[in-house]
Amino acid sequence: MSSEIILASSSSGRRALLKRLQIAYSAISPDVDETPQPGESAPHLAQRLAELKAETVAAAHPESIVIGSDQVADVNGVIVGKPGSLEAARAQLRAQSGRIVLFHTGVAVVAPKFDHTRSRLETVTTQFRDLTEAQIDAYVLADEPTQTAGSLKSEGLGITLLASVESRDPTTLIGLSLIQLTDLLHAAGVSLPP
């Protein structure tokens, strides 16, 4: 009998990405504290939170394969989290205008077949356009990016804010690195189509 697959996330973007793999899964919000630890780097935070989310849900579902993921934006080493409000999103976008912003995405899997949590980290380098107040306001009102790292919903109008994107996996910027996740799921014994 195969293990149930659970996505430890309330993110609609991550759910949509996972559907691409054509596997049955359920989603459970992990409800974890996402506060950075003192001196913690953005890449470490993304990977730690991905692992924490997977481990938190797996503790209640030990026979399941649990996927955790988290994304943290980084401007010159400064962590840029989820804005939480439209005004904070506007402020983040003003600060990122014309700048290089790194998006670190951690993905983790806890599985009965593993003796420990396995995780990976991918980083996407973005170059933001020089944004006007009108562009920022129109985007924020259209996409309401209050729950996304760095206020960027690249799967929506957020892509228009960027001059360039460098990535090994185009799904990473949306918040779930499917190439890395595919490797982890294969290792956990999940058969993926085709």
Protein backbone atom coordinates (compact mmCIF):
# COMPACT_ATOMS: atom_id res chain seq x y z
CA MET A 1 0.00 0.00 0.00
CA SER A 2 1.39 3.40 -0.92
CA SER A 3 1.66 6.22 1.59
CA GLU A 4 -0.64 9.21 1.49
CA ILE A 5 1.06 12.36 0.21
CA ILE A 6 0.48 15.57 2.15
CA LEU A 7 1.53 19.08 1.17
CA ALA A 8 2.31 21.00 4.36
CA SER A 9 1.12 24.32 3.02
CA SER A 10 -1.89 26.61 2.72
CA SER A 11 -0.43 28.24 -0.43
CA SER A 12 -2.69 28.07 -3.48
CA GLY A 13 0.38 28.57 -5.70
CA ARG A 14 2.12 25.52 -4.25
CA ARG A 15 -1.07 23.44 -4.57
CA ALA A 16 -1.36 24.43 -8.23
CA LEU A 17 2.27 23.50 -8.86
CA LEU A 18 1.96 20.13 -7.15
CA LYS A 19 -1.07 19.31 -9.33
CA ARG A 20 1.29 19.38 -12.31
CA LEU A 21 2.87 16.15 -11.07
CA GLN A 22 -0.50 14.37 -11.41
CA ILE A 23 -0.38 12.70 -8.02
CA ALA A 24 -3.10 12.47 -5.40
CA TYR A 25 -2.39 14.55 -2.31
CA SER A 26 -4.05 16.50 0.46
CA ALA A 27 -2.94 19.82 1.93
CA ILE A 28 -2.63 20.73 5.60
CA SER A 29 -1.52 24.10 6.91
CA PRO A 30 1.54 23.52 9.14
CA ASP A 31 0.95 26.57 11.38
CA VAL A 32 4.60 27.19 12.30
CA ASP A 33 6.44 30.28 13.52
CA GLU A 34 8.22 31.75 10.51
CA THR A 35 10.26 34.30 12.48
CA PRO A 36 13.94 34.31 11.48
CA GLN A 37 16.39 33.31 14.19
CA PRO A 38 18.94 35.95 15.23
CA GLY A 39 21.61 36.23 12.52
CA GLU A 40 19.91 33.66 10.29
CA SER A 41 20.58 33.99 6.57
CA ALA A 42 17.77 34.00 4.01
CA PRO A 43 18.83 30.68 2.42
CA HIS A 44 19.08 28.98 5.83
CA LEU A 45 15.66 30.34 6.85
CA ALA A 46 14.00 29.03 3.66
CA GLN A 47 15.45 25.55 4.12
CA ARG A 48 14.80 25.44 7.88
CA LEU A 49 11.17 26.46 7.46
CA ALA A 50 10.60 23.93 4.65
CA GLU A 51 11.91 21.20 6.95
CA LEU A 52 9.96 22.48 9.96
CA LYS A 53 6.70 22.57 7.99
CA ALA A 54 7.17 19.02 6.72
CA GLU A 55 8.22 17.71 10.14
CA THR A 56 5.34 19.44 11.95
CA VAL A 57 2.69 17.84 9.74
CA ALA A 58 4.54 14.50 9.63
CA ALA A 59 4.47 14.31 13.43
CA ALA A 60 0.67 13.94 13.22
CA HIS A 61 0.81 11.75 10.08
CA PRO A 62 3.85 9.45 10.55
CA GLU A 63 2.88 7.00 7.81
CA SER A 64 2.51 9.72 5.18
CA ILE A 65 4.95 11.34 2.78
CA VAL A 66 4.93 15.01 3.72
CA ILE A 67 6.20 17.86 1.54
CA GLY A 68 7.24 21.18 3.05
CA SER A 69 8.33 24.29 1.21
CA ASP A 70 9.15 27.88 2.01
CA GLN A 71 10.39 30.89 0.11
CA VAL A 72 12.39 33.84 1.41
CA ALA A 73 13.32 36.93 -0.58
CA ASP A 74 16.73 38.49 -0.07
CA VAL A 75 17.94 41.99 -1.00
CA ASN A 76 21.69 42.31 -0.40
CA GLY A 77 21.53 39.77 2.43
CA VAL A 78 18.50 41.36 4.09
CA ILE A 79 15.51 39.04 4.52
CA VAL A 80 12.30 40.30 2.92
CA GLY A 81 9.32 38.37 4.22
CA LYS A 82 5.62 38.36 3.47
CA PRO A 83 4.29 41.91 3.63
CA GLY A 84 0.98 41.10 5.34
CA SER A 85 -0.73 44.26 4.06
CA LEU A 86 -1.11 46.13 0.79
CA GLU A 87 0.79 49.14 2.13
CA ALA A 88 3.69 46.96 3.25
CA ALA A 89 3.67 45.32 -0.19
CA ARG A 90 3.96 48.74 -1.80
CA ALA A 91 6.89 49.58 0.49
CA GLN A 92 8.66 46.30 -0.34
CA LEU A 93 8.24 46.86 -4.07
CA ARG A 94 9.55 50.44 -3.81
CA ALA A 95 12.64 49.08 -2.01
CA GLN A 96 13.14 46.36 -4.66
CA SER A 97 12.64 48.66 -7.66
CA GLY A 98 15.65 48.51 -9.99
CA ARG A 99 17.43 46.00 -7.76
CA ILE A 100 18.54 42.39 -7.83
CA VAL A 101 16.42 40.28 -5.50
CA LEU A 102 17.20 36.64 -4.69
CA PHE A 103 14.34 34.26 -3.98
CA HIS A 104 15.47 31.22 -1.96
CA THR A 105 13.07 28.28 -2.01
CA GLY A 106 13.50 25.32 0.29
CA VAL A 107 11.72 22.02 -0.31
CA ALA A 108 11.71 19.16 2.18
CA VAL A 109 10.24 15.67 2.32
CA VAL A 110 9.60 13.47 5.34
CA ALA A 111 8.81 9.87 4.36
CA PRO A 112 8.55 6.47 6.05
CA LYS A 113 11.36 5.31 3.74
CA PHE A 114 13.74 8.04 4.99
CA ASP A 115 15.64 7.93 8.28
CA HIS A 116 15.76 11.74 8.34
CA THR A 117 14.18 14.73 6.60
CA ARG A 118 15.62 15.30 3.15
CA SER A 119 15.70 18.82 1.76
CA ARG A 120 17.02 20.92 -1.08
CA LEU A 121 17.44 24.63 -1.69
CA GLU A 122 17.11 26.51 -4.98
CA THR A 123 17.82 30.19 -5.55
CA VAL A 124 16.35 32.37 -8.28
CA THR A 125 18.02 35.66 -9.20
CA THR A 126 15.61 38.35 -10.33
CA GLN A 127 16.25 41.83 -11.65
CA PHE A 128 13.37 44.17 -10.88
CA ARG A 129 12.49 46.88 -13.37
CA ASP A 130 12.59 50.51 -12.29
CA LEU A 131 9.01 50.72 -11.03
CA THR A 132 6.77 53.78 -10.93
CA GLU A 133 4.26 54.38 -8.15
CA ALA A 134 1.47 53.82 -10.68
CA GLN A 135 2.90 50.43 -11.69
CA ILE A 136 3.33 49.37 -8.07
CA ASP A 137 -0.17 50.48 -7.12
CA ALA A 138 -1.83 48.80 -10.13
CA TYR A 139 0.01 45.53 -9.46
CA VAL A 140 -0.70 45.50 -5.72
CA LEU A 141 -4.41 46.16 -6.28
CA ALA A 142 -4.64 43.49 -9.00
CA ASP A 143 -2.65 40.65 -7.38
CA GLU A 144 -2.93 41.51 -3.64
CA PRO A 145 0.50 39.97 -2.89
CA THR A 146 0.23 40.19 0.90
CA GLN A 147 1.17 36.54 1.57
CA THR A 148 4.12 36.11 -0.79
CA ALA A 149 7.80 36.68 -0.07
CA GLY A 150 8.95 40.01 -1.42
CA SER A 151 5.41 40.83 -2.60
CA LEU A 152 6.05 39.02 -5.90
CA LYS A 153 3.45 36.74 -7.48
CA SER A 154 5.37 35.80 -10.59
CA GLU A 155 2.58 33.43 -11.67
CA GLY A 156 0.38 36.52 -12.06
CA LEU A 157 1.04 40.14 -13.00
CA GLY A 158 4.18 40.10 -10.86
CA ILE A 159 6.11 38.81 -13.85
CA THR A 160 5.68 42.26 -15.44
CA LEU A 161 7.73 43.79 -12.61
CA LEU A 162 10.83 41.85 -13.61
CA ALA A 163 13.47 42.65 -16.23
CA SER A 164 15.07 39.19 -15.96
CA VAL A 165 14.98 35.87 -14.13
CA GLU A 166 17.84 33.38 -13.75
CA SER A 167 16.89 29.92 -12.50
CA ARG A 168 17.58 26.22 -12.96
CA ASP A 169 13.88 25.50 -12.36
CA PRO A 170 11.15 27.90 -13.52
CA THR A 171 8.74 26.66 -10.83
CA THR A 172 11.07 27.76 -8.03
CA LEU A 173 10.07 31.42 -8.27
CA ILE A 174 6.42 30.48 -7.75
CA GLY A 175 7.37 28.73 -4.51
CA LEU A 176 7.87 25.00 -5.07
CA SER A 177 10.90 23.61 -6.93
CA LEU A 178 9.32 20.77 -8.88
CA ILE A 179 12.59 19.46 -10.32
CA GLN A 180 14.08 19.08 -6.83
CA LEU A 181 10.79 17.76 -5.45
CA THR A 182 10.60 15.12 -8.19
CA ASP A 183 14.01 13.78 -7.12
CA LEU A 184 12.95 13.68 -3.47
CA LEU A 185 9.64 11.96 -4.24
CA HIS A 186 11.37 9.32 -6.38
CA ALA A 187 13.74 8.64 -3.46
CA ALA A 188 10.69 8.33 -1.16
CA GLY A 189 9.25 5.64 -3.44
CA VAL A 190 6.62 7.70 -5.24
CA SER A 191 5.94 6.71 -8.85
CA LEU A 192 5.37 9.77 -10.99
CA PRO A 193 3.89 9.76 -14.47
CA PRO A 194 4.77 9.22 -17.21
